[in-house]
Protein backbone atom coordinates (compact mmCIF):
# COMPACT_ATOMS: atom_id res chain seq x y z
CA MET A 1 10.72 25.55 -11.18
CA GLN A 2 7.32 25.76 -9.16
CA SER A 3 6.88 29.58 -9.79
CA LEU A 4 7.35 29.18 -13.52
CA ILE A 5 5.13 26.12 -13.53
CA SER A 6 2.34 28.33 -11.06
CA LYS A 7 2.97 31.25 -13.65
CA THR A 8 2.77 29.59 -16.52
CA ILE A 9 -0.70 27.66 -15.31
CA GLN A 10 -2.09 30.88 -14.52
CA GLU A 11 -1.41 32.29 -18.33
CA LYS A 12 -2.86 28.93 -19.72
CA GLU A 13 -5.95 29.18 -18.20
CA ALA A 14 -6.34 32.74 -19.31
CA ALA A 15 -6.13 31.63 -22.60
CA GLN A 16 -8.15 28.62 -22.12
CA ALA A 17 -10.80 30.70 -21.14
CA ILE A 18 -10.55 32.81 -24.41
CA HIS A 19 -11.39 30.47 -26.65
CA THR A 20 -13.63 28.19 -24.20
CA SER A 21 -17.35 28.59 -25.36
CA LYS A 22 -20.34 28.46 -23.28
CA ASN A 23 -20.84 24.95 -24.48
CA ASP A 24 -17.44 23.49 -23.14
CA GLU A 25 -16.42 22.06 -20.43
CA LEU A 26 -12.83 22.84 -18.82
CA ILE A 27 -11.39 21.76 -15.97
CA SER A 28 -8.86 23.02 -13.99
CA PHE A 29 -6.94 21.13 -11.71
CA ILE A 30 -3.34 22.06 -9.30
CA GLN A 31 -1.34 19.13 -8.44
CA GLU A 32 1.95 18.79 -6.81
CA VAL A 33 4.33 16.84 -9.04
CA PRO A 34 6.82 14.19 -8.00
CA LEU A 35 10.04 15.34 -8.13
CA CYS A 36 11.42 12.96 -9.63
CA LEU A 37 8.40 13.41 -12.37
CA GLN A 38 9.20 17.20 -12.70
CA GLU A 39 13.01 16.51 -13.71
CA ALA A 40 11.98 13.91 -15.77
CA MET A 41 9.66 16.50 -18.01
CA THR A 42 11.91 19.21 -17.71
CA THR A 43 14.55 17.29 -19.14
CA PHE A 44 12.00 15.94 -22.02
CA ILE A 45 11.01 19.59 -22.46
CA GLU A 46 14.73 21.26 -23.03
CA GLU A 47 15.72 17.75 -25.26
CA HIS A 48 12.58 18.54 -27.50
CA PRO A 49 11.85 22.51 -27.77
CA ASN A 50 8.79 21.92 -29.67
CA TRP A 51 6.99 20.36 -26.88
CA ASP A 52 5.48 22.00 -23.69
CA GLN A 53 4.17 21.18 -20.53
CA TYR A 54 0.61 21.60 -21.51
CA ARG A 55 1.24 19.28 -24.87
CA LEU A 56 2.86 16.39 -22.67
CA MET A 57 0.48 16.76 -20.38
CA GLN A 58 -2.81 16.35 -23.02
CA ALA A 59 -0.38 13.84 -24.74
CA ALA A 60 0.05 11.55 -21.49
CA ILE A 61 -3.36 11.69 -19.83
CA SER A 62 -5.36 11.36 -23.52
CA GLY A 63 -2.80 8.77 -24.35
CA TYR A 64 -3.26 6.72 -20.90
CA LEU A 65 -6.99 7.23 -21.33
CA LEU A 66 -7.20 5.32 -24.88
CA GLN A 67 -4.78 2.57 -23.64
CA LYS A 68 -7.55 1.68 -20.90
CA GLY A 69 -10.42 1.51 -23.04
CA ILE A 70 -12.09 4.90 -23.22
CA LYS A 71 -13.88 5.27 -26.62
CA SER A 72 -14.03 8.29 -27.78
CA ARG A 73 -13.38 10.32 -30.96
CA GLU A 74 -12.99 13.83 -29.29
CA LEU A 75 -10.04 12.09 -26.72
CA SER A 76 -8.72 10.00 -29.83
CA ARG A 77 -8.10 13.69 -32.12
CA LEU A 78 -7.04 15.17 -28.94
CA TYR A 79 -4.24 12.47 -28.60
CA SER A 80 -3.39 13.08 -32.46
CA GLU A 81 -3.42 16.37 -31.70
CA SER A 82 -0.81 16.94 -29.14
CA MET A 83 1.37 13.81 -30.20
CA PHE A 84 1.60 15.15 -34.34
CA CYS A 85 1.42 18.64 -33.96
CA LYS A 86 2.51 21.08 -36.73
CA LYS A 87 4.79 22.90 -34.13
CA ALA A 88 6.74 19.47 -34.37
CA PHE A 89 7.30 20.00 -38.18
CA GLY A 90 8.54 23.39 -37.56
CA GLU A 91 5.58 25.05 -38.55
CA SER A 92 3.04 27.45 -36.53
CA LEU A 93 1.69 26.24 -33.11
CA CYS A 94 -1.26 23.85 -32.46
CA ASN A 95 -4.18 25.51 -31.52
């Protein structure tokens, strides 16, 4: 599981590097995730194939920050895009 996550992280970072302009800031981090959280995420993603670990993390982090009072139009947009992705409705992947 950990090697799959590492491989997927590397692939996502490579894809983001292509789409990141000079004005965009990208924070990349690698963090050990507690086993119970990994298992819950894996179960959720297996039961909801229209979600992946990146969409789940983006929705979780942006939703948490919005709940904690961070006011940002961009943050709200990220949260909305992750929660209401076209992929969820059987169409093409979100950007």
